[in-house]
């Protein structure tokens, strides 16, 4: 993800994402099953659980099991280097 794309993701904004060529399977699977539309919940930042810069997102799609027979959104961190915004 280029610096210009990173700068365009603002807290509270809904963004359409795709994975980059070097993305790991976790990132690809989250975008495929829960995306491509996500709400940005934090500014990009460093985190303790992984190298690089990460961003906190919540899916618009309500596709995850809540463990009670219902559905809920996906909520979590993705590495900035593995995602990019798209208009499609």
PDB file of N, CA and C in Angstrom:
ATOM      1  N   UNK A   1       0.849  -1.169   0.000  1.00  0.00           N
ATOM      2  CA  UNK A   1       0.000   0.000   0.000  1.00  0.00           C
ATOM      3  C   UNK A   1       0.887   1.221   0.000  1.00  0.00           C
ATOM      4  N   UNK A   2       0.651   2.117  -0.890  1.00  0.00           N
ATOM      5  CA  UNK A   2       1.462   3.320  -0.973  1.00  0.00           C
ATOM      6  C   UNK A   2       1.095   4.314   0.110  1.00  0.00           C
ATOM      7  N   UNK A   3       1.993   5.264   0.351  1.00  0.00           N
ATOM      8  CA  UNK A   3       1.735   6.273   1.373  1.00  0.00           C
ATOM      9  C   UNK A   3       0.497   7.088   1.063  1.00  0.00           C
ATOM     10  N   UNK A   4       0.247   7.343  -0.238  1.00  0.00           N
ATOM     11  CA  UNK A   4      -0.940   8.109  -0.588  1.00  0.00           C
ATOM     12  C   UNK A   4      -2.212   7.346  -0.258  1.00  0.00           C
ATOM     13  N   UNK A   5      -2.248   6.033  -0.421  1.00  0.00           N
ATOM     14  CA  UNK A   5      -3.420   5.230  -0.067  1.00  0.00           C
ATOM     15  C   UNK A   5      -3.587   5.173   1.437  1.00  0.00           C
ATOM     16  N   UNK A   6      -2.472   5.009   2.153  1.00  0.00           N
ATOM     17  CA  UNK A   6      -2.523   4.953   3.615  1.00  0.00           C
ATOM     18  C   UNK A   6      -3.089   6.253   4.179  1.00  0.00           C
ATOM     19  N   UNK A   7      -2.697   7.365   3.590  1.00  0.00           N
ATOM     20  CA  UNK A   7      -3.144   8.664   4.081  1.00  0.00           C
ATOM     21  C   UNK A   7      -4.633   8.883   3.816  1.00  0.00           C
ATOM     22  N   UNK A   8      -5.208   8.171   2.845  1.00  0.00           N
ATOM     23  CA  UNK A   8      -6.613   8.376   2.518  1.00  0.00           C
ATOM     24  C   UNK A   8      -7.543   7.595   3.433  1.00  0.00           C
ATOM     25  N   UNK A   9      -7.032   6.660   4.220  1.00  0.00           N
ATOM     26  CA  UNK A   9      -7.882   5.885   5.121  1.00  0.00           C
ATOM     27  C   UNK A   9      -8.028   6.641   6.436  1.00  0.00           C
ATOM     28  N   UNK A  10      -9.199   7.192   6.665  1.00  0.00           N
ATOM     29  CA  UNK A  10      -9.474   8.003   7.846  1.00  0.00           C
ATOM     30  C   UNK A  10     -10.384   7.246   8.807  1.00  0.00           C
ATOM     31  N   UNK A  11     -10.213   7.464  10.098  1.00  0.00           N
ATOM     32  CA  UNK A  11     -11.045   6.825  11.114  1.00  0.00           C
ATOM     33  C   UNK A  11     -12.513   7.160  10.839  1.00  0.00           C
ATOM     34  N   UNK A  12     -13.352   6.124  10.868  1.00  0.00           N
ATOM     35  CA  UNK A  12     -14.784   6.280  10.622  1.00  0.00           C
ATOM     36  C   UNK A  12     -15.193   6.113   9.177  1.00  0.00           C
ATOM     37  N   UNK A  13     -14.247   6.104   8.288  1.00  0.00           N
ATOM     38  CA  UNK A  13     -14.520   5.973   6.856  1.00  0.00           C
ATOM     39  C   UNK A  13     -14.749   4.505   6.480  1.00  0.00           C
ATOM     40  N   UNK A  14     -15.614   4.286   5.502  1.00  0.00           N
ATOM     41  CA  UNK A  14     -15.802   2.950   4.930  1.00  0.00           C
ATOM     42  C   UNK A  14     -14.918   2.864   3.696  1.00  0.00           C
ATOM     43  N   UNK A  15     -14.068   1.839   3.664  1.00  0.00           N
ATOM     44  CA  UNK A  15     -13.141   1.652   2.552  1.00  0.00           C
ATOM     45  C   UNK A  15     -13.357   0.281   1.926  1.00  0.00           C
ATOM     46  N   UNK A  16     -13.078   0.194   0.642  1.00  0.00           N
ATOM     47  CA  UNK A  16     -13.118  -1.080  -0.081  1.00  0.00           C
ATOM     48  C   UNK A  16     -11.669  -1.529  -0.233  1.00  0.00           C
ATOM     49  N   UNK A  17     -11.362  -2.745   0.250  1.00  0.00           N
ATOM     50  CA  UNK A  17      -9.988  -3.231   0.270  1.00  0.00           C
ATOM     51  C   UNK A  17      -9.770  -4.418  -0.640  1.00  0.00           C
ATOM     52  N   UNK A  18      -8.537  -4.568  -1.042  1.00  0.00           N
ATOM     53  CA  UNK A  18      -8.068  -5.795  -1.696  1.00  0.00           C
ATOM     54  C   UNK A  18      -6.690  -6.087  -1.120  1.00  0.00           C
ATOM     55  N   UNK A  19      -6.280  -7.341  -1.220  1.00  0.00           N
ATOM     56  CA  UNK A  19      -4.970  -7.712  -0.684  1.00  0.00           C
ATOM     57  C   UNK A  19      -3.892  -7.421  -1.713  1.00  0.00           C
ATOM     58  N   UNK A  20      -2.691  -7.204  -1.232  1.00  0.00           N
ATOM     59  CA  UNK A  20      -1.560  -6.992  -2.118  1.00  0.00           C
ATOM     60  C   UNK A  20      -1.012  -8.341  -2.558  1.00  0.00           C
ATOM     61  N   UNK A  21      -0.135  -8.318  -3.516  1.00  0.00           N
ATOM     62  CA  UNK A  21       0.431  -9.546  -4.068  1.00  0.00           C
ATOM     63  C   UNK A  21       1.148 -10.392  -3.014  1.00  0.00           C
ATOM     64  N   UNK A  22       1.818  -9.769  -2.069  1.00  0.00           N
ATOM     65  CA  UNK A  22       2.579 -10.504  -1.058  1.00  0.00           C
ATOM     66  C   UNK A  22       1.817 -10.808   0.220  1.00  0.00           C
ATOM     67  N   UNK A  23       0.513 -10.609   0.230  1.00  0.00           N
ATOM     68  CA  UNK A  23      -0.289 -10.811   1.449  1.00  0.00           C
ATOM     69  C   UNK A  23      -0.307 -12.283   1.870  1.00  0.00           C
ATOM     70  N   UNK A  24      -0.355 -12.501   3.183  1.00  0.00           N
ATOM     71  CA  UNK A  24      -0.453 -13.862   3.713  1.00  0.00           C
ATOM     72  C   UNK A  24      -1.905 -14.348   3.604  1.00  0.00           C
ATOM     73  N   UNK A  25      -2.096 -15.657   3.788  1.00  0.00           N
ATOM     74  CA  UNK A  25      -3.437 -16.244   3.643  1.00  0.00           C
ATOM     75  C   UNK A  25      -4.452 -15.643   4.613  1.00  0.00           C
ATOM     76  N   UNK A  26      -4.041 -15.299   5.827  1.00  0.00           N
ATOM     77  CA  UNK A  26      -4.978 -14.707   6.798  1.00  0.00           C
ATOM     78  C   UNK A  26      -5.619 -13.446   6.227  1.00  0.00           C
ATOM     79  N   UNK A  27      -4.800 -12.553   5.692  1.00  0.00           N
ATOM     80  CA  UNK A  27      -5.306 -11.300   5.120  1.00  0.00           C
ATOM     81  C   UNK A  27      -6.207 -11.581   3.922  1.00  0.00           C
ATOM     82  N   UNK A  28      -5.780 -12.471   3.053  1.00  0.00           N
ATOM     83  CA  UNK A  28      -6.585 -12.815   1.870  1.00  0.00           C
ATOM     84  C   UNK A  28      -7.942 -13.379   2.288  1.00  0.00           C
ATOM     85  N   UNK A  29      -7.933 -14.286   3.262  1.00  0.00           N
ATOM     86  CA  UNK A  29      -9.182 -14.923   3.708  1.00  0.00           C
ATOM     87  C   UNK A  29     -10.133 -13.921   4.351  1.00  0.00           C
ATOM     88  N   UNK A  30      -9.614 -13.019   5.168  1.00  0.00           N
ATOM     89  CA  UNK A  30     -10.474 -12.024   5.822  1.00  0.00           C
ATOM     90  C   UNK A  30     -11.139 -11.133   4.780  1.00  0.00           C
ATOM     91  N   UNK A  31     -10.378 -10.669   3.804  1.00  0.00           N
ATOM     92  CA  UNK A  31     -10.960  -9.810   2.769  1.00  0.00           C
ATOM     93  C   UNK A  31     -11.966 -10.594   1.929  1.00  0.00           C
ATOM     94  N   UNK A  32     -11.658 -11.847   1.616  1.00  0.00           N
ATOM     95  CA  UNK A  32     -12.557 -12.661   0.796  1.00  0.00           C
ATOM     96  C   UNK A  32     -13.854 -13.001   1.533  1.00  0.00           C
ATOM     97  N   UNK A  33     -13.774 -13.390   2.798  1.00  0.00           N
ATOM     98  CA  UNK A  33     -14.970 -13.843   3.511  1.00  0.00           C
ATOM     99  C   UNK A  33     -15.741 -12.734   4.209  1.00  0.00           C
ATOM    100  N   UNK A  34     -15.062 -11.666   4.603  1.00  0.00           N
ATOM    101  CA  UNK A  34     -15.716 -10.613   5.381  1.00  0.00           C
ATOM    102  C   UNK A  34     -15.760  -9.263   4.672  1.00  0.00           C
ATOM    103  N   UNK A  35     -15.086  -9.144   3.567  1.00  0.00           N
ATOM    104  CA  UNK A  35     -15.000  -7.865   2.854  1.00  0.00           C
ATOM    105  C   UNK A  35     -15.805  -7.873   1.581  1.00  0.00           C
ATOM    106  N   UNK A  36     -15.476  -6.953   0.711  1.00  0.00           N
ATOM    107  CA  UNK A  36     -14.292  -6.098   0.731  1.00  0.00           C
ATOM    108  C   UNK A  36     -14.470  -4.773   1.474  1.00  0.00           C
ATOM    109  N   UNK A  37     -15.664  -4.510   2.004  1.00  0.00           N
ATOM    110  CA  UNK A  37     -15.932  -3.218   2.638  1.00  0.00           C
ATOM    111  C   UNK A  37     -15.698  -3.286   4.146  1.00  0.00           C
ATOM    112  N   UNK A  38     -14.913  -2.328   4.654  1.00  0.00           N
ATOM    113  CA  UNK A  38     -14.555  -2.270   6.066  1.00  0.00           C
ATOM    114  C   UNK A  38     -14.647  -0.840   6.578  1.00  0.00           C
ATOM    115  N   UNK A  39     -14.944  -0.692   7.868  1.00  0.00           N
ATOM    116  CA  UNK A  39     -14.890   0.605   8.525  1.00  0.00           C
ATOM    117  C   UNK A  39     -13.537   0.732   9.205  1.00  0.00           C
ATOM    118  N   UNK A  40     -12.875   1.855   9.009  1.00  0.00           N
ATOM    119  CA  UNK A  40     -11.577   2.117   9.640  1.00  0.00           C
ATOM    120  C   UNK A  40     -11.825   2.558  11.081  1.00  0.00           C
ATOM    121  N   UNK A  41     -11.219   1.844  12.040  1.00  0.00           N
ATOM    122  CA  UNK A  41     -11.426   2.134  13.459  1.00  0.00           C
ATOM    123  C   UNK A  41     -10.241   2.807  14.137  1.00  0.00           C
ATOM    124  N   UNK A  42      -9.077   2.829  13.481  1.00  0.00           N
ATOM    125  CA  UNK A  42      -7.904   3.476  14.081  1.00  0.00           C
ATOM    126  C   UNK A  42      -6.999   4.012  12.986  1.00  0.00           C
ATOM    127  N   UNK A  43      -6.130   4.912  13.371  1.00  0.00           N
ATOM    128  CA  UNK A  43      -5.060   5.352  12.484  1.00  0.00           C
ATOM    129  C   UNK A  43      -4.062   4.197  12.370  1.00  0.00           C
ATOM    130  N   UNK A  44      -3.336   4.087  11.260  1.00  0.00           N
ATOM    131  CA  UNK A  44      -2.282   3.068  11.166  1.00  0.00           C
ATOM    132  C   UNK A  44      -1.253   3.274  12.268  1.00  0.00           C
ATOM    133  N   UNK A  45      -0.802   2.170  12.883  1.00  0.00           N
ATOM    134  CA  UNK A  45       0.156   2.275  13.991  1.00  0.00           C
ATOM    135  C   UNK A  45       0.947   0.982  14.153  1.00  0.00           C
ATOM    136  N   UNK A  46       2.007   1.059  14.928  1.00  0.00           N
ATOM    137  CA  UNK A  46       2.747  -0.146  15.284  1.00  0.00           C
ATOM    138  C   UNK A  46       1.974  -0.860  16.388  1.00  0.00           C
ATOM    139  N   UNK A  47       2.154  -2.170  16.457  1.00  0.00           N
ATOM    140  CA  UNK A  47       1.481  -2.985  17.458  1.00  0.00           C
ATOM    141  C   UNK A  47       2.490  -3.953  18.065  1.00  0.00           C
ATOM    142  N   UNK A  48       2.157  -4.535  19.208  1.00  0.00           N
ATOM    143  CA  UNK A  48       3.080  -5.442  19.887  1.00  0.00           C
ATOM    144  C   UNK A  48       3.089  -6.840  19.295  1.00  0.00           C
ATOM    145  N   UNK A  49       2.042  -7.225  18.565  1.00  0.00           N
ATOM    146  CA  UNK A  49       1.930  -8.613  18.117  1.00  0.00           C
ATOM    147  C   UNK A  49       2.484  -8.871  16.726  1.00  0.00           C
ATOM    148  N   UNK A  50       2.993  -7.866  16.044  1.00  0.00           N
ATOM    149  CA  UNK A  50       3.542  -8.098  14.715  1.00  0.00           C
ATOM    150  C   UNK A  50       4.389  -6.933  14.249  1.00  0.00           C
ATOM    151  N   UNK A  51       5.326  -7.197  13.333  1.00  0.00           N
ATOM    152  CA  UNK A  51       6.182  -6.127  12.824  1.00  0.00           C
ATOM    153  C   UNK A  51       5.418  -5.221  11.851  1.00  0.00           C
ATOM    154  N   UNK A  52       5.910  -4.027  11.676  1.00  0.00           N
ATOM    155  CA  UNK A  52       5.333  -3.119  10.696  1.00  0.00           C
ATOM    156  C   UNK A  52       4.174  -2.302  11.251  1.00  0.00           C
ATOM    157  N   UNK A  53       3.450  -1.688  10.335  1.00  0.00           N
ATOM    158  CA  UNK A  53       2.325  -0.821  10.662  1.00  0.00           C
ATOM    159  C   UNK A  53       1.033  -1.585  10.394  1.00  0.00           C
ATOM    160  N   UNK A  54       0.080  -1.513  11.333  1.00  0.00           N
ATOM    161  CA  UNK A  54      -1.197  -2.223  11.230  1.00  0.00           C
ATOM    162  C   UNK A  54      -2.346  -1.228  11.363  1.00  0.00           C
ATOM    163  N   UNK A  55      -3.537  -1.637  10.937  1.00  0.00           N
ATOM    164  CA  UNK A  55      -4.719  -0.788  11.054  1.00  0.00           C
ATOM    165  C   UNK A  55      -5.891  -1.619  11.573  1.00  0.00           C
ATOM    166  N   UNK A  56      -6.676  -1.041  12.471  1.00  0.00           N
ATOM    167  CA  UNK A  56      -7.825  -1.725  13.066  1.00  0.00           C
ATOM    168  C   UNK A  56      -9.056  -1.480  12.198  1.00  0.00           C
ATOM    169  N   UNK A  57      -9.728  -2.565  11.814  1.00  0.00           N
ATOM    170  CA  UNK A  57     -10.868  -2.506  10.907  1.00  0.00           C
ATOM    171  C   UNK A  57     -12.040  -3.312  11.446  1.00  0.00           C
ATOM    172  N   UNK A  58     -13.241  -2.990  10.966  1.00  0.00           N
ATOM    173  CA  UNK A  58     -14.430  -3.788  11.229  1.00  0.00           C
ATOM    174  C   UNK A  58     -15.161  -3.988   9.914  1.00  0.00           C
ATOM    175  N   UNK A  59     -15.556  -5.226   9.639  1.00  0.00           N
ATOM    176  CA  UNK A  59     -16.243  -5.511   8.382  1.00  0.00           C
ATOM    177  C   UNK A  59     -17.640  -4.917   8.375  1.00  0.00           C
ATOM    178  N   UNK A  60     -18.107  -4.578   7.197  1.00  0.00           N
ATOM    179  CA  UNK A  60     -19.491  -4.143   7.006  1.00  0.00           C
ATOM    180  C   UNK A  60     -20.384  -5.385   6.957  1.00  0.00           C
ATOM    181  N   UNK A  61     -19.878  -6.433   6.297  1.00  0.00           N
ATOM    182  CA  UNK A  61     -20.618  -7.694   6.196  1.00  0.00           C
ATOM    183  C   UNK A  61     -20.769  -8.330   7.572  1.00  0.00           C
ATOM    184  N   UNK A  62     -21.914  -8.905   7.812  1.00  0.00           N
ATOM    185  CA  UNK A  62     -22.186  -9.606   9.074  1.00  0.00           C
ATOM    186  C   UNK A  62     -22.214 -11.098   8.755  1.00  0.00           C
ATOM    187  N   UNK A  63     -21.010 -11.694   8.700  1.00  0.00           N
ATOM    188  CA  UNK A  63     -20.904 -13.072   8.223  1.00  0.00           C
ATOM    189  C   UNK A  63     -20.262 -14.032   9.217  1.00  0.00           C
ATOM    190  N   UNK A  64     -19.719 -13.543  10.297  1.00  0.00           N
ATOM    191  CA  UNK A  64     -19.066 -14.409  11.284  1.00  0.00           C
ATOM    192  C   UNK A  64     -20.069 -14.952  12.288  1.00  0.00           C
ATOM    193  N   UNK A  65     -19.883 -16.201  12.688  1.00  0.00           N
ATOM    194  CA  UNK A  65     -20.735 -16.785  13.722  1.00  0.00           C
ATOM    195  C   UNK A  65     -20.443 -16.109  15.053  1.00  0.00           C
ATOM    196  N   UNK A  66     -21.494 -15.817  15.805  1.00  0.00           N
ATOM    197  CA  UNK A  66     -21.308 -15.229  17.135  1.00  0.00           C
ATOM    198  C   UNK A  66     -21.283 -16.298  18.229  1.00  0.00           C
ATOM    199  N   UNK A  67     -21.359 -17.574  17.840  1.00  0.00           N
ATOM    200  CA  UNK A  67     -21.334 -18.669  18.788  1.00  0.00           C
ATOM    201  C   UNK A  67     -22.669 -18.941  19.455  1.00  0.00           C
ATOM    202  N   UNK A  68     -23.696 -18.182  19.070  1.00  0.00           N
ATOM    203  CA  UNK A  68     -25.026 -18.335  19.660  1.00  0.00           C
ATOM    204  C   UNK A  68     -26.084 -18.562  18.585  1.00  0.00           C
ATOM    205  N   UNK A  69     -25.645 -18.972  17.410  1.00  0.00           N
ATOM    206  CA  UNK A  69     -26.578 -19.203  16.311  1.00  0.00           C
ATOM    207  C   UNK A  69     -26.837 -17.981  15.452  1.00  0.00           C
ATOM    208  N   UNK A  70     -26.228 -16.864  15.806  1.00  0.00           N
ATOM    209  CA  UNK A  70     -26.398 -15.626  15.049  1.00  0.00           C
ATOM    210  C   UNK A  70     -25.134 -15.262  14.282  1.00  0.00           C
ATOM    211  N   UNK A  71     -25.111 -14.080  13.755  1.00  0.00           N
ATOM    212  CA  UNK A  71     -23.963 -13.595  12.980  1.00  0.00           C
ATOM    213  C   UNK A  71     -23.465 -12.286  13.553  1.00  0.00           C
ATOM    214  N   UNK A  72     -22.191 -11.987  13.290  1.00  0.00           N
ATOM    215  CA  UNK A  72     -21.593 -10.734  13.715  1.00  0.00           C
ATOM    216  C   UNK A  72     -20.530 -10.302  12.716  1.00  0.00           C
ATOM    217  N   UNK A  73     -20.039  -9.081  12.881  1.00  0.00           N
ATOM    218  CA  UNK A  73     -18.997  -8.570  11.992  1.00  0.00           C
ATOM    219  C   UNK A  73     -17.631  -9.103  12.409  1.00  0.00           C
ATOM    220  N   UNK A  74     -16.673  -9.052  11.470  1.00  0.00           N
ATOM    221  CA  UNK A  74     -15.277  -9.335  11.804  1.00  0.00           C
ATOM    222  C   UNK A  74     -14.668  -8.032  12.314  1.00  0.00           C
ATOM    223  N   UNK A  75     -13.805  -8.129  13.326  1.00  0.00           N
ATOM    224  CA  UNK A  75     -13.186  -6.977  13.956  1.00  0.00           C
ATOM    225  C   UNK A  75     -11.747  -7.353  14.250  1.00  0.00           C
ATOM    226  N   UNK A  76     -10.787  -6.593  13.703  1.00  0.00           N
ATOM    227  CA  UNK A  76      -9.396  -6.924  13.980  1.00  0.00           C
ATOM    228  C   UNK A  76      -8.405  -6.072  13.214  1.00  0.00           C
ATOM    229  N   UNK A  77      -7.154  -6.464  13.353  1.00  0.00           N
ATOM    230  CA  UNK A  77      -6.035  -5.724  12.777  1.00  0.00           C
ATOM    231  C   UNK A  77      -5.544  -6.396  11.499  1.00  0.00           C
ATOM    232  N   UNK A  78      -5.200  -5.576  10.504  1.00  0.00           N
ATOM    233  CA  UNK A  78      -4.546  -6.065   9.295  1.00  0.00           C
ATOM    234  C   UNK A  78      -3.293  -5.223   9.052  1.00  0.00           C
ATOM    235  N   UNK A  79      -2.229  -5.861   8.541  1.00  0.00           N
ATOM    236  CA  UNK A  79      -1.006  -5.109   8.258  1.00  0.00           C
ATOM    237  C   UNK A  79      -1.190  -4.225   7.013  1.00  0.00           C
ATOM    238  N   UNK A  80      -0.794  -2.981   7.134  1.00  0.00           N
ATOM    239  CA  UNK A  80      -0.932  -2.014   6.054  1.00  0.00           C
ATOM    240  C   UNK A  80      -0.251  -2.508   4.772  1.00  0.00           C
ATOM    241  N   UNK A  81       0.909  -3.162   4.901  1.00  0.00           N
ATOM    242  CA  UNK A  81       1.649  -3.592   3.708  1.00  0.00           C
ATOM    243  C   UNK A  81       0.934  -4.683   2.919  1.00  0.00           C
ATOM    244  N   UNK A  82      -0.109  -5.297   3.510  1.00  0.00           N
ATOM    245  CA  UNK A  82      -0.818  -6.383   2.825  1.00  0.00           C
ATOM    246  C   UNK A  82      -2.173  -5.969   2.264  1.00  0.00           C
ATOM    247  N   UNK A  83      -2.542  -4.682   2.400  1.00  0.00           N
ATOM    248  CA  UNK A  83      -3.843  -4.229   1.899  1.00  0.00           C
ATOM    249  C   UNK A  83      -3.690  -2.952   1.086  1.00  0.00           C
ATOM    250  N   UNK A  84      -4.665  -2.735   0.212  1.00  0.00           N
ATOM    251  CA  UNK A  84      -4.731  -1.477  -0.515  1.00  0.00           C
ATOM    252  C   UNK A  84      -6.191  -1.169  -0.797  1.00  0.00           C
ATOM    253  N   UNK A  85      -6.482   0.111  -0.914  1.00  0.00           N
ATOM    254  CA  UNK A  85      -7.850   0.520  -1.203  1.00  0.00           C
ATOM    255  C   UNK A  85      -8.100   0.409  -2.695  1.00  0.00           C
ATOM    256  N   UNK A  86      -9.371   0.197  -3.046  1.00  0.00           N
ATOM    257  CA  UNK A  86      -9.753   0.070  -4.441  1.00  0.00           C
ATOM    258  C   UNK A  86     -11.096   0.742  -4.650  1.00  0.00           C
ATOM    259  N   UNK A  87     -11.358   1.174  -5.853  1.00  0.00           N
ATOM    260  CA  UNK A  87     -12.641   1.781  -6.200  1.00  0.00           C
ATOM    261  C   UNK A  87     -13.613   0.742  -6.737  1.00  0.00           C
ATOM    262  N   UNK A  88     -13.108  -0.455  -7.054  1.00  0.00           N
ATOM    263  CA  UNK A  88     -13.955  -1.492  -7.670  1.00  0.00           C
ATOM    264  C   UNK A  88     -14.620  -2.351  -6.648  1.00  0.00           C
TER     265      UNK A  88
END
